[in-house]
Amino acid sequence: MQTQQRLPFIDIVRGFAVLGTLGTNIWIFAYLGDLSYITTANYIGWWSFNDFLRMVVLFLVNGKLLGLLTIMFGVGLQLKYQQALRKSHAWPGVYLWTIAFLGLEGLLHYTLVMEYDILMSYAVTAFIVAFILRLGDKVMTWTFYLIGSFHILLILLIFISTLQGAAISLNGMETVVTLYENGTWLAQVQHRLTNFLFYRTEAIFIIPLNIFLFLLGVKFMRNGVFSPTDKGRQARRKLFRIGVYIGIPFNLLIFIPGGLFDLPVRYVCAPILSIGYIGILGKLVEYKRLDWLWQRFGDIGKMSLSCYVLQNVLASIIFYGWGLGLGGQLNSSLIIIIWLTLSFLQLMIASTWIQRFHIGPMEWLRKKTIQAMAHH
């Protein structure tokens, strides 16, 4: 089970997940923080081509790539755990500094860049999961099934109450849109701090799902899902089938307007497709002709934190009023082009950066801070 070398496939999947997360966030930026554009609540009848195009992208990415990123965080945690075992270090030990740094990073990212930051939620999850691992495999397996069932039950209850007419409303979006259209950057920072609890609702709500997906990442890592062996290939084939035969049909529910399936799709069906993406990528990576592309994705994976923050900073500059102010002005095709351009730009930046420095700027800062803290 102990592997010394870095598995390239892990970095590739992580890089893919980071760029895909922007595929969801880009709509939030492009529509100036109005969440109704990543849901179907406002649609009663059939859609215009513009709406349909947006939904196709969201069908592929919304919740799926976030789920994938969450699984990959679990994989990273298992790698750190293995490392601690190899070196006979206490666990969680120094890893607690990594968690603290992640939480602080998330807080800064939330305050200065984007109110839908995921890093803080990951920090809380990592803290919980680190202790679950310490309690042993039996506790881990029990927690995995219990928390998974709890999460599904919760979504089911919300779904039943929406069937009975309880609507989840997104009122008050107009003020947010006005703020991002005309407000200064400082006014936006102030708005995020003032409405901290409101904007962190989802981050808290998804912690059970996060714990489940982190533990799934740990399980995948232990079962050799990312290894280049035959066992790894077989595991990825299984994930491929789950994604294609279960994930895709269930996620098609997103095309039913009226908002009824928004929550179940994002929080139950999407992670099934996340698993499928590992299988799909596993198949694609075997086409050696595209090795140069997989290496670029791998470079993003190696500096995933830096890229995650960078893409959100760039999107803020493009869409918000204090920047180029393109928010609310563009159709779906142009927004997709901007997403792909930003992704391509990051592939280039990451490739150049990693060749020169071998580690991303945020990653370097984290490493140095943790080393300093650990020595004290």
Protein backbone atom coordinates (compact mmCIF):
# COMPACT_ATOMS: atom_id res chain seq x y z
CA MET A 1 0.00 0.00 0.00
CA GLN A 2 2.90 2.35 0.66
CA THR A 3 3.85 4.27 -2.44
CA GLN A 4 6.83 6.55 -2.48
CA GLN A 5 6.53 8.10 -5.93
CA ARG A 6 4.09 10.80 -6.91
CA LEU A 7 1.30 9.37 -9.06
CA PRO A 8 0.95 11.66 -12.13
CA PHE A 9 -2.72 10.71 -12.59
CA ILE A 10 -3.60 12.36 -9.26
CA ASP A 11 -2.23 15.71 -10.46
CA ILE A 12 -4.02 15.36 -13.80
CA VAL A 13 -7.40 14.75 -12.14
CA ARG A 14 -6.82 17.60 -9.69
CA GLY A 15 -5.91 19.98 -12.52
CA PHE A 16 -9.01 18.96 -14.46
CA ALA A 17 -11.15 19.52 -11.35
CA VAL A 18 -9.76 23.03 -10.74
CA LEU A 19 -10.44 24.21 -14.30
CA GLY A 20 -13.87 22.59 -14.20
CA THR A 21 -14.76 24.37 -10.96
CA LEU A 22 -14.31 27.63 -12.87
CA GLY A 23 -16.87 26.24 -15.33
CA THR A 24 -19.49 26.64 -12.58
CA ASN A 25 -18.12 29.78 -10.96
CA ILE A 26 -17.79 31.63 -14.26
CA TRP A 27 -21.61 31.96 -14.44
CA ILE A 28 -21.74 33.42 -10.93
CA PHE A 29 -19.12 35.99 -11.95
CA ALA A 30 -20.69 36.66 -15.36
CA TYR A 31 -24.10 37.32 -13.81
CA LEU A 32 -22.64 39.40 -10.98
CA GLY A 33 -23.33 37.02 -8.11
CA ASP A 34 -26.87 36.11 -9.18
CA LEU A 35 -27.21 32.43 -8.26
CA SER A 36 -30.43 31.98 -10.19
CA TYR A 37 -28.26 31.53 -13.28
CA ILE A 38 -26.82 28.25 -11.99
CA THR A 39 -30.27 26.94 -11.03
CA THR A 40 -33.46 26.21 -12.97
CA ALA A 41 -35.88 27.85 -10.52
CA ASN A 42 -36.66 30.76 -12.87
CA TYR A 43 -37.61 28.60 -15.82
CA ILE A 44 -41.17 27.52 -16.33
CA GLY A 45 -41.29 26.61 -20.02
CA TRP A 46 -38.75 25.55 -22.62
CA TRP A 47 -35.49 27.45 -22.90
CA SER A 48 -33.84 29.74 -25.36
CA PHE A 49 -30.65 28.51 -27.01
CA ASN A 50 -28.68 30.83 -24.75
CA ASP A 51 -30.13 29.27 -21.58
CA PHE A 52 -29.80 25.79 -23.01
CA LEU A 53 -26.12 26.31 -23.79
CA ARG A 54 -25.50 27.44 -20.22
CA MET A 55 -27.35 24.43 -18.83
CA VAL A 56 -25.31 22.05 -20.99
CA VAL A 57 -22.12 23.40 -19.43
CA LEU A 58 -23.66 23.25 -15.95
CA PHE A 59 -24.83 19.70 -16.65
CA LEU A 60 -21.18 18.79 -17.23
CA VAL A 61 -19.64 20.79 -14.38
CA ASN A 62 -22.03 22.09 -11.72
CA GLY A 63 -21.32 20.21 -8.49
CA LYS A 64 -19.46 17.51 -10.47
CA LEU A 65 -16.06 19.17 -10.53
CA LEU A 66 -16.48 20.46 -7.01
CA GLY A 67 -17.25 16.89 -5.98
CA LEU A 68 -14.17 15.73 -7.85
CA LEU A 69 -12.02 18.39 -6.17
CA THR A 70 -13.38 17.27 -2.79
CA ILE A 71 -12.49 13.64 -3.52
CA MET A 72 -8.99 14.78 -4.55
CA PHE A 73 -8.60 16.64 -1.24
CA GLY A 74 -9.36 13.33 0.47
CA VAL A 75 -6.68 11.71 -1.68
CA GLY A 76 -4.20 14.40 -0.59
CA LEU A 77 -5.10 13.79 3.04
CA GLN A 78 -4.49 10.05 2.67
CA LEU A 79 -1.07 10.79 1.09
CA LYS A 80 -0.16 12.94 4.08
CA TYR A 81 -1.40 10.21 6.42
CA GLN A 82 0.74 7.59 4.64
CA GLN A 83 3.72 9.92 4.86
CA ALA A 84 3.21 10.35 8.61
CA LEU A 85 3.00 6.56 9.06
CA ARG A 86 6.15 6.00 6.99
CA LYS A 87 8.14 8.49 9.04
CA SER A 88 6.57 7.29 12.32
CA HIS A 89 5.27 10.80 13.02
CA ALA A 90 2.31 11.53 15.25
CA TRP A 91 -0.99 11.98 13.41
CA PRO A 92 -2.56 14.46 12.74
CA GLY A 93 0.48 16.28 14.24
CA VAL A 94 1.99 18.74 11.77
CA TYR A 95 -0.97 18.22 9.42
CA LEU A 96 -3.01 20.41 11.77
CA TRP A 97 -0.88 23.35 10.63
CA THR A 98 -1.77 22.52 7.02
CA ILE A 99 -5.44 22.62 8.00
CA ALA A 100 -5.05 25.93 9.85
CA PHE A 101 -3.26 27.44 6.85
CA LEU A 102 -6.00 26.19 4.50
CA GLY A 103 -8.67 27.76 6.72
CA LEU A 104 -6.86 31.09 6.80
CA GLU A 105 -6.33 30.98 3.06
CA GLY A 106 -10.02 30.28 2.61
CA LEU A 107 -10.96 33.20 4.84
CA LEU A 108 -8.74 35.58 2.83
CA HIS A 109 -10.03 34.20 -0.48
CA TYR A 110 -13.63 34.57 0.75
CA THR A 111 -13.07 38.13 1.97
CA LEU A 112 -10.95 39.49 -0.87
CA VAL A 113 -12.08 37.50 -3.90
CA MET A 114 -15.20 35.35 -3.80
CA GLU A 115 -18.04 34.67 -1.41
CA TYR A 116 -18.44 31.07 -2.52
CA ASP A 117 -15.01 29.96 -1.37
CA ILE A 118 -14.64 26.22 -0.74
CA LEU A 119 -11.32 26.21 1.10
CA MET A 120 -12.77 27.04 4.53
CA SER A 121 -15.25 24.18 4.24
CA TYR A 122 -12.38 21.89 3.24
CA ALA A 123 -10.33 22.97 6.25
CA VAL A 124 -13.16 22.04 8.65
CA THR A 125 -13.69 18.74 6.81
CA ALA A 126 -9.98 17.90 6.81
CA PHE A 127 -9.85 18.48 10.56
CA ILE A 128 -12.73 16.05 11.17
CA VAL A 129 -11.47 13.42 8.70
CA ALA A 130 -7.90 13.55 10.08
CA PHE A 131 -9.24 12.39 13.45
CA ILE A 132 -11.54 9.80 11.86
CA LEU A 133 -8.46 8.21 10.20
CA ARG A 134 -6.69 8.18 13.51
CA LEU A 135 -9.50 6.11 15.02
CA GLY A 136 -8.89 3.30 12.56
CA ASP A 137 -10.46 1.57 9.56
CA LYS A 138 -13.59 0.31 11.29
CA VAL A 139 -14.59 3.80 12.47
CA MET A 140 -13.78 5.16 9.03
CA THR A 141 -16.04 2.63 7.28
CA TRP A 142 -18.90 3.20 9.74
CA THR A 143 -18.61 6.98 9.39
CA PHE A 144 -18.48 6.67 5.61
CA TYR A 145 -21.81 4.85 5.41
CA LEU A 146 -23.55 6.73 8.22
CA ILE A 147 -22.64 10.20 7.01
CA GLY A 148 -23.47 9.26 3.41
CA SER A 149 -26.92 8.04 4.47
CA PHE A 150 -27.46 11.12 6.64
CA HIS A 151 -26.64 13.42 3.72
CA ILE A 152 -28.96 11.61 1.31
CA LEU A 153 -31.74 11.61 3.90
CA LEU A 154 -31.30 15.35 4.43
CA ILE A 155 -31.53 16.08 0.70
CA LEU A 156 -34.53 13.76 0.44
CA LEU A 157 -36.34 15.64 3.22
CA ILE A 158 -35.65 18.99 1.56
CA PHE A 159 -36.81 17.52 -1.76
CA ILE A 160 -40.08 16.28 -0.22
CA SER A 161 -40.74 19.67 1.36
CA THR A 162 -40.20 21.38 -2.04
CA LEU A 163 -42.70 18.93 -3.55
CA GLN A 164 -45.16 20.16 -0.93
CA GLY A 165 -44.60 23.70 -2.03
CA ALA A 166 -41.86 24.96 0.29
CA ALA A 167 -39.72 27.02 -2.07
CA ILE A 168 -36.08 27.86 -1.61
CA SER A 169 -36.03 31.45 -2.72
CA LEU A 170 -33.10 33.47 -3.93
CA ASN A 171 -34.50 36.86 -3.03
CA GLY A 172 -32.28 39.85 -2.54
CA MET A 173 -30.06 39.00 -5.51
CA GLU A 174 -30.75 42.43 -7.07
CA THR A 175 -28.76 44.24 -4.38
CA VAL A 176 -25.83 41.86 -4.91
CA VAL A 177 -25.94 42.37 -8.67
CA THR A 178 -25.98 46.17 -8.23
CA LEU A 179 -23.04 45.93 -5.84
CA TYR A 180 -20.93 43.88 -8.25
CA GLU A 181 -21.92 46.03 -11.19
CA ASN A 182 -21.26 49.44 -9.65
CA GLY A 183 -19.67 49.00 -6.24
CA THR A 184 -15.99 49.39 -5.47
CA TRP A 185 -13.85 46.42 -4.56
CA LEU A 186 -13.79 47.60 -0.92
CA ALA A 187 -17.58 47.80 -0.80
CA GLN A 188 -17.72 44.19 -1.98
CA VAL A 189 -15.24 43.11 0.70
CA GLN A 190 -17.38 44.85 3.31
CA HIS A 191 -20.52 43.17 1.92
CA ARG A 192 -18.93 39.71 2.24
CA LEU A 193 -17.84 40.35 5.81
CA THR A 194 -21.23 41.76 6.81
CA ASN A 195 -23.10 38.80 5.29
CA PHE A 196 -20.56 36.20 6.41
CA LEU A 197 -23.06 33.71 7.87
CA PHE A 198 -25.46 34.01 4.97
CA TYR A 199 -22.74 33.23 2.43
CA ARG A 200 -21.31 30.40 4.52
CA THR A 201 -24.62 28.53 4.71
CA GLU A 202 -23.69 26.20 1.86
CA ALA A 203 -20.16 25.72 3.17
CA ILE A 204 -21.63 24.46 6.46
CA PHE A 205 -24.48 22.53 4.82
CA ILE A 206 -22.12 20.47 2.64
CA ILE A 207 -19.78 19.34 5.44
CA PRO A 208 -21.46 15.88 5.72
CA LEU A 209 -21.12 15.46 1.94
CA ASN A 210 -17.53 16.70 2.12
CA ILE A 211 -16.67 14.18 4.84
CA PHE A 212 -18.20 11.42 2.71
CA LEU A 213 -16.24 12.49 -0.40
CA PHE A 214 -12.98 12.97 1.54
CA LEU A 215 -13.35 9.42 2.89
CA LEU A 216 -14.17 8.23 -0.62
CA GLY A 217 -10.88 9.79 -1.75
CA VAL A 218 -9.07 7.97 1.06
CA LYS A 219 -10.72 4.67 0.01
CA PHE A 220 -9.86 5.24 -3.67
CA MET A 221 -6.26 5.93 -2.71
CA ARG A 222 -6.06 2.78 -0.60
CA ASN A 223 -7.65 0.69 -3.34
CA GLY A 224 -5.11 1.85 -5.91
CA VAL A 225 -7.62 3.71 -8.14
CA PHE A 226 -4.94 6.18 -9.27
CA SER A 227 -2.11 3.69 -9.77
CA PRO A 228 -0.88 2.76 -13.26
CA THR A 229 -1.31 -0.96 -12.47
CA ASP A 230 -3.90 -3.40 -13.85
CA LYS A 231 -5.73 -3.21 -10.55
CA GLY A 232 -5.92 0.57 -10.96
CA ARG A 233 -7.19 0.25 -14.53
CA GLN A 234 -9.90 -2.20 -13.47
CA ALA A 235 -11.01 0.11 -10.66
CA ARG A 236 -11.17 3.06 -13.07
CA ARG A 237 -13.21 1.00 -15.54
CA LYS A 238 -15.73 0.34 -12.81
CA LEU A 239 -15.90 4.08 -11.99
CA PHE A 240 -16.31 4.81 -15.71
CA ARG A 241 -19.37 2.54 -15.85
CA ILE A 242 -20.88 4.08 -12.70
CA GLY A 243 -20.43 7.57 -14.19
CA VAL A 244 -21.81 6.77 -17.63
CA TYR A 245 -24.69 4.46 -16.72
CA ILE A 246 -25.83 6.02 -13.44
CA GLY A 247 -24.26 9.50 -13.23
CA ILE A 248 -25.24 10.82 -16.66
CA PRO A 249 -28.94 9.75 -16.63
CA PHE A 250 -29.48 11.13 -13.11
CA ASN A 251 -27.78 14.41 -13.92
CA LEU A 252 -30.05 14.89 -16.93
CA LEU A 253 -32.73 15.85 -14.37
CA ILE A 254 -31.11 19.29 -14.41
CA PHE A 255 -32.86 19.90 -17.74
CA ILE A 256 -36.26 19.81 -16.07
CA PRO A 257 -37.08 23.47 -15.38
CA GLY A 258 -38.76 24.78 -12.26
CA GLY A 259 -35.96 24.26 -9.76
CA LEU A 260 -37.35 21.02 -8.34
CA PHE A 261 -34.24 18.96 -9.05
CA ASP A 262 -31.61 21.63 -8.41
CA LEU A 263 -30.66 20.40 -4.95
CA PRO A 264 -30.78 16.63 -5.55
CA VAL A 265 -28.75 17.00 -8.74
CA ARG A 266 -26.07 19.20 -7.19
CA TYR A 267 -25.73 17.31 -3.93
CA VAL A 268 -26.58 13.69 -4.76
CA CYS A 269 -26.41 13.03 -8.51
CA ALA A 270 -23.42 15.25 -9.25
CA PRO A 271 -20.94 13.32 -7.04
CA ILE A 272 -21.88 10.11 -8.92
CA LEU A 273 -20.70 11.78 -12.11
CA SER A 274 -17.61 13.07 -10.26
CA ILE A 275 -16.64 9.44 -9.70
CA GLY A 276 -17.33 8.76 -13.38
CA TYR A 277 -14.95 11.55 -14.40
CA ILE A 278 -12.08 9.70 -12.71
CA GLY A 279 -12.93 6.71 -14.88
CA ILE A 280 -13.41 8.79 -18.04
CA LEU A 281 -10.11 10.62 -17.50
CA GLY A 282 -8.45 7.30 -16.72
CA LYS A 283 -9.50 6.08 -20.18
CA LEU A 284 -8.46 9.32 -21.92
CA VAL A 285 -5.04 9.43 -20.29
CA GLU A 286 -4.24 6.11 -21.95
CA TYR A 287 -4.17 7.91 -25.33
CA LYS A 288 -0.47 8.69 -25.33
CA ARG A 289 -0.77 11.15 -28.22
CA LEU A 290 -2.24 13.71 -25.86
CA ASP A 291 0.50 13.29 -23.26
CA TRP A 292 1.55 16.94 -23.63
CA LEU A 293 -1.99 18.00 -22.67
CA TRP A 294 -2.13 15.65 -19.67
CA GLN A 295 1.20 17.05 -18.49
CA ARG A 296 -0.27 20.59 -18.62
CA PHE A 297 -3.25 19.42 -16.53
CA GLY A 298 -0.76 17.79 -14.17
CA ASP A 299 1.07 21.12 -13.79
CA ILE A 300 -2.19 22.77 -12.72
CA GLY A 301 -2.73 19.89 -10.29
CA LYS A 302 0.68 20.51 -8.73
CA MET A 303 -0.25 24.14 -8.03
CA SER A 304 -4.02 23.66 -7.74
CA LEU A 305 -4.42 26.10 -4.87
CA SER A 306 -2.62 28.91 -6.69
CA CYS A 307 -4.66 28.24 -9.86
CA TYR A 308 -7.96 28.12 -7.97
CA VAL A 309 -7.32 31.54 -6.48
CA LEU A 310 -5.85 32.96 -9.71
CA GLN A 311 -8.84 31.98 -11.86
CA ASN A 312 -11.26 33.65 -9.45
CA VAL A 313 -9.15 36.82 -9.30
CA LEU A 314 -9.02 36.97 -13.12
CA ALA A 315 -12.77 36.36 -13.42
CA SER A 316 -13.45 39.17 -10.88
CA ILE A 317 -11.34 41.57 -12.95
CA ILE A 318 -13.13 40.59 -16.17
CA PHE A 319 -16.71 40.76 -14.91
CA TYR A 320 -16.97 43.11 -11.95
CA GLY A 321 -17.63 46.83 -12.23
CA TRP A 322 -14.28 47.88 -10.75
CA GLY A 323 -12.56 45.79 -13.44
CA LEU A 324 -13.58 45.48 -17.09
CA GLY A 325 -17.24 45.44 -16.08
CA LEU A 326 -18.41 42.76 -18.55
CA GLY A 327 -20.81 41.20 -16.00
CA GLY A 328 -24.39 40.96 -17.25
CA GLN A 329 -23.33 42.03 -20.77
CA LEU A 330 -22.44 38.73 -22.42
CA ASN A 331 -24.31 35.77 -23.87
CA SER A 332 -23.56 32.15 -23.00
CA SER A 333 -21.26 31.53 -25.99
CA LEU A 334 -18.98 34.42 -25.01
CA ILE A 335 -18.95 33.36 -21.35
CA ILE A 336 -17.93 29.83 -22.40
CA ILE A 337 -15.17 31.30 -24.60
CA ILE A 338 -13.88 33.33 -21.62
CA TRP A 339 -13.92 30.20 -19.44
CA LEU A 340 -11.96 28.22 -22.04
CA THR A 341 -9.54 31.11 -22.60
CA LEU A 342 -8.88 31.45 -18.86
CA SER A 343 -8.37 27.68 -18.67
CA PHE A 344 -5.92 27.74 -21.59
CA LEU A 345 -4.11 30.69 -20.03
CA GLN A 346 -3.75 28.79 -16.76
CA LEU A 347 -2.44 25.71 -18.56
CA MET A 348 0.29 27.91 -20.05
CA ILE A 349 1.06 29.79 -16.82
CA ALA A 350 1.20 26.60 -14.72
CA SER A 351 3.43 24.86 -17.24
CA THR A 352 5.93 27.76 -17.32
CA TRP A 353 5.82 28.24 -13.56
CA ILE A 354 6.28 24.57 -12.63
CA GLN A 355 9.20 24.20 -15.06
CA ARG A 356 10.96 27.09 -13.40
CA PHE A 357 9.99 26.81 -9.72
CA HIS A 358 8.58 23.22 -9.30
CA ILE A 359 5.99 24.52 -6.78
CA GLY A 360 3.13 27.04 -6.98
CA PRO A 361 3.39 30.40 -5.13
CA MET A 362 0.58 29.62 -2.65
CA GLU A 363 1.94 26.11 -2.16
CA TRP A 364 5.43 27.51 -1.50
CA LEU A 365 4.02 29.98 1.04
CA ARG A 366 2.11 27.20 2.76
CA LYS A 367 5.16 24.94 2.88
CA LYS A 368 7.38 27.66 4.36
CA THR A 369 4.74 28.73 6.92
CA ILE A 370 4.12 25.15 8.07
CA GLN A 371 7.86 24.46 8.33
CA ALA A 372 8.27 27.59 10.45
CA MET A 373 5.30 26.67 12.67
CA ALA A 374 6.38 23.06 13.07
CA HIS A 375 9.84 24.08 14.28
CA HIS A 376 8.46 26.32 16.99
